[in-house]
Amino acid sequence: MNALTSGWVETAKMSVFLPDDRMAISTALRIYGPVDPCEAKVVRIKNTQMLERFWISESLCVVIRADTELQRKLEIVGEPREMQFDVLGGLASFGTKN
């Protein structure tokens, strides 16, 4: 708890555990530094062996659209939307669309 309160989770003697995905994501954004969650650059991957398709934050969409080199490497296939959580705070699973 002290590591989370201080924002220095790397000093914890054991892994940090939070009750659900919603709390884990909001805590990570808070600990990352003074960043507006709307401006955070976030990438969500299914796993490290499936990197053909992943979700990125709206702020990263802006970066990609402004950089022609990135546009040659990445294709944005959908419009930005909010992360979806279930009633228990778990992050909704990856769908087959966008």
PDB file of N, CA and C in Angstrom:
ATOM      1  N   MET A   1       0.823  -1.189   0.000  1.00  0.00           N
ATOM      2  CA  MET A   1       0.000   0.000   0.000  1.00  0.00           C
ATOM      3  C   MET A   1       0.868   1.255   0.000  1.00  0.00           C
ATOM      4  N   ASN A   2       1.946   1.241   0.768  1.00  0.00           N
ATOM      5  CA  ASN A   2       2.819   2.415   0.817  1.00  0.00           C
ATOM      6  C   ASN A   2       3.464   2.696  -0.536  1.00  0.00           C
ATOM      7  N   ALA A   3       3.822   1.626  -1.245  1.00  0.00           N
ATOM      8  CA  ALA A   3       4.440   1.813  -2.567  1.00  0.00           C
ATOM      9  C   ALA A   3       3.453   2.473  -3.515  1.00  0.00           C
ATOM     10  N   LEU A   4       2.189   2.084  -3.464  1.00  0.00           N
ATOM     11  CA  LEU A   4       1.172   2.701  -4.321  1.00  0.00           C
ATOM     12  C   LEU A   4       0.931   4.147  -3.926  1.00  0.00           C
ATOM     13  N   THR A   5       0.875   4.414  -2.634  1.00  0.00           N
ATOM     14  CA  THR A   5       0.628   5.771  -2.153  1.00  0.00           C
ATOM     15  C   THR A   5       1.766   6.708  -2.550  1.00  0.00           C
ATOM     16  N   SER A   6       2.994   6.214  -2.442  1.00  0.00           N
ATOM     17  CA  SER A   6       4.149   7.053  -2.760  1.00  0.00           C
ATOM     18  C   SER A   6       4.357   7.208  -4.261  1.00  0.00           C
ATOM     19  N   GLY A   7       3.827   6.265  -5.043  1.00  0.00           N
ATOM     20  CA  GLY A   7       4.057   6.302  -6.483  1.00  0.00           C
ATOM     21  C   GLY A   7       5.351   5.626  -6.896  1.00  0.00           C
ATOM     22  N   TRP A   8       6.037   5.010  -5.963  1.00  0.00           N
ATOM     23  CA  TRP A   8       7.308   4.327  -6.234  1.00  0.00           C
ATOM     24  C   TRP A   8       7.122   2.822  -6.103  1.00  0.00           C
ATOM     25  N   VAL A   9       6.372   2.226  -7.016  1.00  0.00           N
ATOM     26  CA  VAL A   9       6.053   0.799  -6.892  1.00  0.00           C
ATOM     27  C   VAL A   9       7.279  -0.090  -7.021  1.00  0.00           C
ATOM     28  N   GLU A  10       8.338   0.399  -7.655  1.00  0.00           N
ATOM     29  CA  GLU A  10       9.537  -0.428  -7.794  1.00  0.00           C
ATOM     30  C   GLU A  10      10.228  -0.678  -6.455  1.00  0.00           C
ATOM     31  N   THR A  11       9.881   0.068  -5.404  1.00  0.00           N
ATOM     32  CA  THR A  11      10.474  -0.151  -4.085  1.00  0.00           C
ATOM     33  C   THR A  11       9.740  -1.225  -3.287  1.00  0.00           C
ATOM     34  N   ALA A  12       8.611  -1.686  -3.788  1.00  0.00           N
ATOM     35  CA  ALA A  12       7.834  -2.701  -3.075  1.00  0.00           C
ATOM     36  C   ALA A  12       8.611  -4.014  -3.014  1.00  0.00           C
ATOM     37  N   LYS A  13       8.476  -4.712  -1.932  1.00  0.00           N
ATOM     38  CA  LYS A  13       9.164  -5.992  -1.760  1.00  0.00           C
ATOM     39  C   LYS A  13       8.382  -7.154  -2.368  1.00  0.00           C
ATOM     40  N   MET A  14       7.160  -6.868  -2.797  1.00  0.00           N
ATOM     41  CA  MET A  14       6.356  -7.901  -3.454  1.00  0.00           C
ATOM     42  C   MET A  14       5.575  -7.251  -4.593  1.00  0.00           C
ATOM     43  N   SER A  15       5.096  -8.059  -5.501  1.00  0.00           N
ATOM     44  CA  SER A  15       4.354  -7.533  -6.647  1.00  0.00           C
ATOM     45  C   SER A  15       3.106  -6.801  -6.186  1.00  0.00           C
ATOM     46  N   VAL A  16       2.799  -5.724  -6.881  1.00  0.00           N
ATOM     47  CA  VAL A  16       1.594  -4.957  -6.578  1.00  0.00           C
ATOM     48  C   VAL A  16       0.407  -5.693  -7.181  1.00  0.00           C
ATOM     49  N   PHE A  17      -0.647  -5.850  -6.405  1.00  0.00           N
ATOM     50  CA  PHE A  17      -1.857  -6.515  -6.860  1.00  0.00           C
ATOM     51  C   PHE A  17      -3.032  -5.592  -6.603  1.00  0.00           C
ATOM     52  N   LEU A  18      -3.851  -5.406  -7.620  1.00  0.00           N
ATOM     53  CA  LEU A  18      -5.042  -4.576  -7.476  1.00  0.00           C
ATOM     54  C   LEU A  18      -6.262  -5.430  -7.801  1.00  0.00           C
ATOM     55  N   PRO A  19      -7.421  -5.077  -7.266  1.00  0.00           N
ATOM     56  CA  PRO A  19      -8.587  -5.952  -7.362  1.00  0.00           C
ATOM     57  C   PRO A  19      -9.175  -6.142  -8.758  1.00  0.00           C
ATOM     58  N   ASP A  20      -8.946  -5.195  -9.668  1.00  0.00           N
ATOM     59  CA  ASP A  20      -9.522  -5.358 -11.004  1.00  0.00           C
ATOM     60  C   ASP A  20      -8.739  -4.548 -12.026  1.00  0.00           C
ATOM     61  N   ASP A  21      -9.039  -4.775 -13.295  1.00  0.00           N
ATOM     62  CA  ASP A  21      -8.333  -4.102 -14.389  1.00  0.00           C
ATOM     63  C   ASP A  21      -8.535  -2.589 -14.363  1.00  0.00           C
ATOM     64  N   ARG A  22      -9.750  -2.161 -14.072  1.00  0.00           N
ATOM     65  CA  ARG A  22     -10.036  -0.724 -14.050  1.00  0.00           C
ATOM     66  C   ARG A  22      -9.121  -0.021 -13.035  1.00  0.00           C
ATOM     67  N   MET A  23      -9.004  -0.585 -11.848  1.00  0.00           N
ATOM     68  CA  MET A  23      -8.151  -0.008 -10.801  1.00  0.00           C
ATOM     69  C   MET A  23      -6.680  -0.087 -11.202  1.00  0.00           C
ATOM     70  N   ALA A  24      -6.254  -1.184 -11.822  1.00  0.00           N
ATOM     71  CA  ALA A  24      -4.860  -1.334 -12.242  1.00  0.00           C
ATOM     72  C   ALA A  24      -4.488  -0.283 -13.293  1.00  0.00           C
ATOM     73  N   ILE A  25      -5.371  -0.065 -14.263  1.00  0.00           N
ATOM     74  CA  ILE A  25      -5.090   0.907 -15.319  1.00  0.00           C
ATOM     75  C   ILE A  25      -5.072   2.325 -14.760  1.00  0.00           C
ATOM     76  N   SER A  26      -6.040   2.671 -13.938  1.00  0.00           N
ATOM     77  CA  SER A  26      -6.069   4.029 -13.388  1.00  0.00           C
ATOM     78  C   SER A  26      -4.880   4.270 -12.464  1.00  0.00           C
ATOM     79  N   THR A  27      -4.470   3.252 -11.718  1.00  0.00           N
ATOM     80  CA  THR A  27      -3.301   3.394 -10.842  1.00  0.00           C
ATOM     81  C   THR A  27      -2.034   3.545 -11.669  1.00  0.00           C
ATOM     82  N   ALA A  28      -1.907   2.764 -12.732  1.00  0.00           N
ATOM     83  CA  ALA A  28      -0.725   2.872 -13.597  1.00  0.00           C
ATOM     84  C   ALA A  28      -0.623   4.267 -14.200  1.00  0.00           C
ATOM     85  N   LEU A  29      -1.741   4.814 -14.641  1.00  0.00           N
ATOM     86  CA  LEU A  29      -1.722   6.171 -15.206  1.00  0.00           C
ATOM     87  C   LEU A  29      -1.350   7.210 -14.154  1.00  0.00           C
ATOM     88  N   ARG A  30      -1.822   7.013 -12.929  1.00  0.00           N
ATOM     89  CA  ARG A  30      -1.498   7.952 -11.846  1.00  0.00           C
ATOM     90  C   ARG A  30      -0.016   7.867 -11.487  1.00  0.00           C
ATOM     91  N   ILE A  31       0.516   6.656 -11.391  1.00  0.00           N
ATOM     92  CA  ILE A  31       1.911   6.462 -10.996  1.00  0.00           C
ATOM     93  C   ILE A  31       2.863   6.902 -12.100  1.00  0.00           C
ATOM     94  N   TYR A  32       2.439   6.769 -13.337  1.00  0.00           N
ATOM     95  CA  TYR A  32       3.285   7.139 -14.480  1.00  0.00           C
ATOM     96  C   TYR A  32       3.788   8.569 -14.359  1.00  0.00           C
ATOM     97  N   GLY A  33       2.992   9.415 -13.810  1.00  0.00           N
ATOM     98  CA  GLY A  33       3.407  10.805 -13.647  1.00  0.00           C
ATOM     99  C   GLY A  33       2.222  11.724 -13.815  1.00  0.00           C
ATOM    100  N   PRO A  34       2.459  12.983 -13.715  1.00  0.00           N
ATOM    101  CA  PRO A  34       1.341  13.919 -13.875  1.00  0.00           C
ATOM    102  C   PRO A  34       0.920  13.982 -15.349  1.00  0.00           C
ATOM    103  N   VAL A  35       0.070  13.058 -15.742  1.00  0.00           N
ATOM    104  CA  VAL A  35      -0.399  13.006 -17.125  1.00  0.00           C
ATOM    105  C   VAL A  35      -1.924  12.966 -17.125  1.00  0.00           C
ATOM    106  N   ASP A  36      -2.504  13.728 -17.994  1.00  0.00           N
ATOM    107  CA  ASP A  36      -3.948  13.696 -18.175  1.00  0.00           C
ATOM    108  C   ASP A  36      -4.288  12.359 -18.832  1.00  0.00           C
ATOM    109  N   PRO A  37      -5.175  11.562 -18.245  1.00  0.00           N
ATOM    110  CA  PRO A  37      -5.506  10.260 -18.840  1.00  0.00           C
ATOM    111  C   PRO A  37      -5.940  10.362 -20.304  1.00  0.00           C
ATOM    112  N   CYS A  38      -6.517  11.479 -20.692  1.00  0.00           N
ATOM    113  CA  CYS A  38      -6.919  11.662 -22.096  1.00  0.00           C
ATOM    114  C   CYS A  38      -5.713  11.842 -23.007  1.00  0.00           C
ATOM    115  N   GLU A  39      -4.576  12.228 -22.448  1.00  0.00           N
ATOM    116  CA  GLU A  39      -3.363  12.440 -23.240  1.00  0.00           C
ATOM    117  C   GLU A  39      -2.379  11.275 -23.118  1.00  0.00           C
ATOM    118  N   ALA A  40      -2.695  10.291 -22.296  1.00  0.00           N
ATOM    119  CA  ALA A  40      -1.787   9.162 -22.087  1.00  0.00           C
ATOM    120  C   ALA A  40      -1.624   8.364 -23.375  1.00  0.00           C
ATOM    121  N   LYS A  41      -0.410   7.934 -23.612  1.00  0.00           N
ATOM    122  CA  LYS A  41      -0.114   7.103 -24.780  1.00  0.00           C
ATOM    123  C   LYS A  41      -0.086   5.654 -24.293  1.00  0.00           C
ATOM    124  N   VAL A  42      -1.130   4.913 -24.656  1.00  0.00           N
ATOM    125  CA  VAL A  42      -1.326   3.563 -24.150  1.00  0.00           C
ATOM    126  C   VAL A  42      -1.467   2.594 -25.311  1.00  0.00           C
ATOM    127  N   VAL A  43      -0.839   1.426 -25.169  1.00  0.00           N
ATOM    128  CA  VAL A  43      -0.985   0.350 -26.141  1.00  0.00           C
ATOM    129  C   VAL A  43      -1.506  -0.864 -25.388  1.00  0.00           C
ATOM    130  N   ARG A  44      -2.523  -1.498 -25.941  1.00  0.00           N
ATOM    131  CA  ARG A  44      -3.069  -2.712 -25.348  1.00  0.00           C
ATOM    132  C   ARG A  44      -2.865  -3.854 -26.341  1.00  0.00           C
ATOM    133  N   ILE A  45      -2.110  -4.860 -25.916  1.00  0.00           N
ATOM    134  CA  ILE A  45      -1.862  -6.019 -26.762  1.00  0.00           C
ATOM    135  C   ILE A  45      -2.530  -7.246 -26.165  1.00  0.00           C
ATOM    136  N   LYS A  46      -2.890  -8.190 -27.010  1.00  0.00           N
ATOM    137  CA  LYS A  46      -3.477  -9.434 -26.501  1.00  0.00           C
ATOM    138  C   LYS A  46      -2.392 -10.251 -25.804  1.00  0.00           C
ATOM    139  N   ASN A  47      -1.270 -10.427 -26.477  1.00  0.00           N
ATOM    140  CA  ASN A  47      -0.092 -11.057 -25.891  1.00  0.00           C
ATOM    141  C   ASN A  47       1.098 -10.762 -26.797  1.00  0.00           C
ATOM    142  N   THR A  48       2.288 -11.052 -26.339  1.00  0.00           N
ATOM    143  CA  THR A  48       3.486 -10.679 -27.090  1.00  0.00           C
ATOM    144  C   THR A  48       3.690 -11.505 -28.347  1.00  0.00           C
ATOM    145  N   GLN A  49       2.945 -12.584 -28.523  1.00  0.00           N
ATOM    146  CA  GLN A  49       3.063 -13.391 -29.738  1.00  0.00           C
ATOM    147  C   GLN A  49       2.014 -13.014 -30.777  1.00  0.00           C
ATOM    148  N   MET A  50       1.130 -12.103 -30.451  1.00  0.00           N
ATOM    149  CA  MET A  50       0.080 -11.678 -31.384  1.00  0.00           C
ATOM    150  C   MET A  50       0.101 -10.161 -31.503  1.00  0.00           C
ATOM    151  N   LEU A  51       1.078  -9.644 -32.228  1.00  0.00           N
ATOM    152  CA  LEU A  51       1.249  -8.197 -32.332  1.00  0.00           C
ATOM    153  C   LEU A  51       0.786  -7.642 -33.676  1.00  0.00           C
ATOM    154  N   GLU A  52       0.110  -8.466 -34.469  1.00  0.00           N
ATOM    155  CA  GLU A  52      -0.382  -7.980 -35.756  1.00  0.00           C
ATOM    156  C   GLU A  52      -1.489  -6.954 -35.577  1.00  0.00           C
ATOM    157  N   ARG A  53      -2.221  -7.088 -34.487  1.00  0.00           N
ATOM    158  CA  ARG A  53      -3.360  -6.221 -34.239  1.00  0.00           C
ATOM    159  C   ARG A  53      -3.384  -5.848 -32.755  1.00  0.00           C
ATOM    160  N   PHE A  54      -3.510  -4.557 -32.476  1.00  0.00           N
ATOM    161  CA  PHE A  54      -3.548  -4.109 -31.084  1.00  0.00           C
ATOM    162  C   PHE A  54      -4.318  -2.806 -31.001  1.00  0.00           C
ATOM    163  N   TRP A  55      -4.695  -2.446 -29.806  1.00  0.00           N
ATOM    164  CA  TRP A  55      -5.434  -1.208 -29.575  1.00  0.00           C
ATOM    165  C   TRP A  55      -4.464  -0.147 -29.078  1.00  0.00           C
ATOM    166  N   ILE A  56      -4.675   1.084 -29.533  1.00  0.00           N
ATOM    167  CA  ILE A  56      -3.858   2.200 -29.051  1.00  0.00           C
ATOM    168  C   ILE A  56      -4.774   3.323 -28.595  1.00  0.00           C
ATOM    169  N   SER A  57      -4.225   4.172 -27.757  1.00  0.00           N
ATOM    170  CA  SER A  57      -5.015   5.304 -27.257  1.00  0.00           C
ATOM    171  C   SER A  57      -5.192   6.352 -28.348  1.00  0.00           C
ATOM    172  N   GLU A  58      -6.175   7.197 -28.134  1.00  0.00           N
ATOM    173  CA  GLU A  58      -6.468   8.253 -29.106  1.00  0.00           C
ATOM    174  C   GLU A  58      -5.260   9.165 -29.316  1.00  0.00           C
ATOM    175  N   SER A  59      -4.510   9.427 -28.246  1.00  0.00           N
ATOM    176  CA  SER A  59      -3.337  10.297 -28.389  1.00  0.00           C
ATOM    177  C   SER A  59      -2.273   9.659 -29.281  1.00  0.00           C
ATOM    178  N   LEU A  60      -2.175   8.338 -29.297  1.00  0.00           N
ATOM    179  CA  LEU A  60      -1.244   7.673 -30.209  1.00  0.00           C
ATOM    180  C   LEU A  60      -1.756   7.705 -31.643  1.00  0.00           C
ATOM    181  N   CYS A  61      -3.067   7.679 -31.824  1.00  0.00           N
ATOM    182  CA  CYS A  61      -3.631   7.837 -33.178  1.00  0.00           C
ATOM    183  C   CYS A  61      -3.190   9.169 -33.765  1.00  0.00           C
ATOM    184  N   VAL A  62      -3.212  10.193 -32.956  1.00  0.00           N
ATOM    185  CA  VAL A  62      -2.805  11.526 -33.413  1.00  0.00           C
ATOM    186  C   VAL A  62      -1.334  11.501 -33.836  1.00  0.00           C
ATOM    187  N   VAL A  63      -0.495  10.849 -33.044  1.00  0.00           N
ATOM    188  CA  VAL A  63       0.935  10.758 -33.363  1.00  0.00           C
ATOM    189  C   VAL A  63       1.139  10.030 -34.688  1.00  0.00           C
ATOM    190  N   ILE A  64       0.453   8.921 -34.873  1.00  0.00           N
ATOM    191  CA  ILE A  64       0.608   8.137 -36.106  1.00  0.00           C
ATOM    192  C   ILE A  64       0.127   8.916 -37.316  1.00  0.00           C
ATOM    193  N   ARG A  65      -1.008   9.571 -37.193  1.00  0.00           N
ATOM    194  CA  ARG A  65      -1.550  10.342 -38.317  1.00  0.00           C
ATOM    195  C   ARG A  65      -0.656  11.523 -38.708  1.00  0.00           C
ATOM    196  N   ALA A  66       0.177  11.993 -37.785  1.00  0.00           N
ATOM    197  CA  ALA A  66       1.053  13.124 -38.057  1.00  0.00           C
ATOM    198  C   ALA A  66       2.435  12.701 -38.568  1.00  0.00           C
ATOM    199  N   ASP A  67       2.717  11.402 -38.579  1.00  0.00           N
ATOM    200  CA  ASP A  67       4.049  10.917 -38.935  1.00  0.00           C
ATOM    201  C   ASP A  67       3.959   9.974 -40.135  1.00  0.00           C
ATOM    202  N   THR A  68       4.469  10.415 -41.280  1.00  0.00           N
ATOM    203  CA  THR A  68       4.354   9.596 -42.497  1.00  0.00           C
ATOM    204  C   THR A  68       5.125   8.285 -42.393  1.00  0.00           C
ATOM    205  N   GLU A  69       6.229   8.279 -41.666  1.00  0.00           N
ATOM    206  CA  GLU A  69       6.998   7.036 -41.483  1.00  0.00           C
ATOM    207  C   GLU A  69       6.177   6.012 -40.702  1.00  0.00           C
ATOM    208  N   LEU A  70       5.529   6.451 -39.637  1.00  0.00           N
ATOM    209  CA  LEU A  70       4.664   5.547 -38.873  1.00  0.00           C
ATOM    210  C   LEU A  70       3.472   5.091 -39.701  1.00  0.00           C
ATOM    211  N   GLN A  71       2.944   5.958 -40.541  1.00  0.00           N
ATOM    212  CA  GLN A  71       1.798   5.590 -41.385  1.00  0.00           C
ATOM    213  C   GLN A  71       2.164   4.464 -42.351  1.00  0.00           C
ATOM    214  N   ARG A  72       3.435   4.405 -42.771  1.00  0.00           N
ATOM    215  CA  ARG A  72       3.865   3.311 -43.651  1.00  0.00           C
ATOM    216  C   ARG A  72       3.955   1.987 -42.899  1.00  0.00           C
ATOM    217  N   LYS A  73       4.170   2.041 -41.590  1.00  0.00           N
ATOM    218  CA  LYS A  73       4.360   0.837 -40.789  1.00  0.00           C
ATOM    219  C   LYS A  73       3.088   0.358 -40.101  1.00  0.00           C
ATOM    220  N   LEU A  74       2.176   1.278 -39.814  1.00  0.00           N
ATOM    221  CA  LEU A  74       0.967   0.952 -39.055  1.00  0.00           C
ATOM    222  C   LEU A  74      -0.273   1.403 -39.802  1.00  0.00           C
ATOM    223  N   GLU A  75      -1.322   0.623 -39.682  1.00  0.00           N
ATOM    224  CA  GLU A  75      -2.603   0.996 -40.278  1.00  0.00           C
ATOM    225  C   GLU A  75      -3.637   1.117 -39.166  1.00  0.00           C
ATOM    226  N   ILE A  76      -4.271   2.259 -39.088  1.00  0.00           N
ATOM    227  CA  ILE A  76      -5.348   2.456 -38.114  1.00  0.00           C
ATOM    228  C   ILE A  76      -6.625   1.965 -38.778  1.00  0.00           C
ATOM    229  N   VAL A  77      -7.265   0.954 -38.172  1.00  0.00           N
ATOM    230  CA  VAL A  77      -8.421   0.319 -38.819  1.00  0.00           C
ATOM    231  C   VAL A  77      -9.761   0.655 -38.171  1.00  0.00           C
ATOM    232  N   GLY A  78      -9.753   1.451 -37.143  1.00  0.00           N
ATOM    233  CA  GLY A  78     -11.008   1.797 -36.481  1.00  0.00           C
ATOM    234  C   GLY A  78     -10.947   3.191 -35.900  1.00  0.00           C
ATOM    235  N   GLU A  79     -12.040   3.603 -35.371  1.00  0.00           N
ATOM    236  CA  GLU A  79     -12.133   4.913 -34.721  1.00  0.00           C
ATOM    237  C   GLU A  79     -11.911   4.747 -33.217  1.00  0.00           C
ATOM    238  N   PRO A  80     -11.396   5.786 -32.558  1.00  0.00           N
ATOM    239  CA  PRO A  80     -11.179   5.702 -31.105  1.00  0.00           C
ATOM    240  C   PRO A  80     -12.487   5.456 -30.354  1.00  0.00           C
ATOM    241  N   ARG A  81     -12.379   4.693 -29.286  1.00  0.00           N
ATOM    242  CA  ARG A  81     -13.521   4.461 -28.400  1.00  0.00           C
ATOM    243  C   ARG A  81     -12.998   4.177 -26.998  1.00  0.00           C
ATOM    244  N   GLU A  82     -13.858   4.366 -26.031  1.00  0.00           N
ATOM    245  CA  GLU A  82     -13.459   4.153 -24.644  1.00  0.00           C
ATOM    246  C   GLU A  82     -13.225   2.678 -24.364  1.00  0.00           C
ATOM    247  N   MET A  83     -12.324   2.415 -23.406  1.00  0.00           N
ATOM    248  CA  MET A  83     -12.129   1.042 -22.956  1.00  0.00           C
ATOM    249  C   MET A  83     -13.419   0.563 -22.318  1.00  0.00           C
ATOM    250  N   GLN A  84     -13.745  -0.664 -22.545  1.00  0.00           N
ATOM    251  CA  GLN A  84     -14.953  -1.247 -21.977  1.00  0.00           C
ATOM    252  C   GLN A  84     -14.586  -2.188 -20.833  1.00  0.00           C
ATOM    253  N   PHE A  85     -15.310  -2.056 -19.733  1.00  0.00           N
ATOM    254  CA  PHE A  85     -15.093  -2.901 -18.561  1.00  0.00           C
ATOM    255  C   PHE A  85     -16.392  -3.628 -18.238  1.00  0.00           C
ATOM    256  N   ASP A  86     -16.260  -4.835 -17.684  1.00  0.00           N
ATOM    257  CA  ASP A  86     -17.457  -5.550 -17.246  1.00  0.00           C
ATOM    258  C   ASP A  86     -17.870  -5.043 -15.865  1.00  0.00           C
ATOM    259  N   VAL A  87     -18.932  -5.597 -15.311  1.00  0.00           N
ATOM    260  CA  VAL A  87     -19.467  -5.113 -14.035  1.00  0.00           C
ATOM    261  C   VAL A  87     -18.502  -5.328 -12.872  1.00  0.00           C
ATOM    262  N   LEU A  88     -17.547  -6.247 -13.019  1.00  0.00           N
ATOM    263  CA  LEU A  88     -16.574  -6.500 -11.967  1.00  0.00           C
ATOM    264  C   LEU A  88     -15.293  -5.689 -12.141  1.00  0.00           C
ATOM    265  N   GLY A  89     -15.268  -4.812 -13.162  1.00  0.00           N
ATOM    266  CA  GLY A  89     -14.093  -3.987 -13.386  1.00  0.00           C
ATOM    267  C   GLY A  89     -13.048  -4.625 -14.273  1.00  0.00           C
ATOM    268  N   GLY A  90     -13.374  -5.778 -14.855  1.00  0.00           N
ATOM    269  CA  GLY A  90     -12.437  -6.439 -15.757  1.00  0.00           C
ATOM    270  C   GLY A  90     -12.473  -5.815 -17.139  1.00  0.00           C
ATOM    271  N   LEU A  91     -11.337  -5.717 -17.769  1.00  0.00           N
ATOM    272  CA  LEU A  91     -11.259  -5.161 -19.124  1.00  0.00           C
ATOM    273  C   LEU A  91     -11.909  -6.133 -20.090  1.00  0.00           C
ATOM    274  N   ALA A  92     -12.810  -5.618 -20.936  1.00  0.00           N
ATOM    275  CA  ALA A  92     -13.511  -6.458 -21.891  1.00  0.00           C
ATOM    276  C   ALA A  92     -12.493  -7.119 -22.812  1.00  0.00           C
ATOM    277  N   SER A  93     -12.797  -8.333 -23.216  1.00  0.00           N
ATOM    278  CA  SER A  93     -11.868  -9.093 -24.057  1.00  0.00           C
ATOM    279  C   SER A  93     -11.743  -8.476 -25.426  1.00  0.00           C
ATOM    280  N   PHE A  94     -10.672  -8.832 -26.110  1.00  0.00           N
ATOM    281  CA  PHE A  94     -10.449  -8.379 -27.475  1.00  0.00           C
ATOM    282  C   PHE A  94     -11.538  -8.955 -28.362  1.00  0.00           C
ATOM    283  N   GLY A  95     -12.132  -8.123 -29.171  1.00  0.00           N
ATOM    284  CA  GLY A  95     -13.115  -8.598 -30.141  1.00  0.00           C
ATOM    285  C   GLY A  95     -12.430  -8.908 -31.458  1.00  0.00           C
ATOM    286  N   THR A  96     -13.191  -9.416 -32.381  1.00  0.00           N
ATOM    287  CA  THR A  96     -12.627  -9.712 -33.694  1.00  0.00           C
ATOM    288  C   THR A  96     -12.679  -8.497 -34.597  1.00  0.00           C
ATOM    289  N   LYS A  97     -13.409  -7.475 -34.203  1.00  0.00           N
ATOM    290  CA  LYS A  97     -13.505  -6.251 -35.003  1.00  0.00           C
ATOM    291  C   LYS A  97     -12.625  -5.178 -34.387  1.00  0.00           C
ATOM    292  N   ASN A  98     -12.110  -4.291 -35.249  1.00  0.00           N
ATOM    293  CA  ASN A  98     -11.300  -3.136 -34.856  1.00  0.00           C
ATOM    294  C   ASN A  98     -10.629  -3.376 -33.550  1.00  0.00           C
TER     295      ASN A  98
END
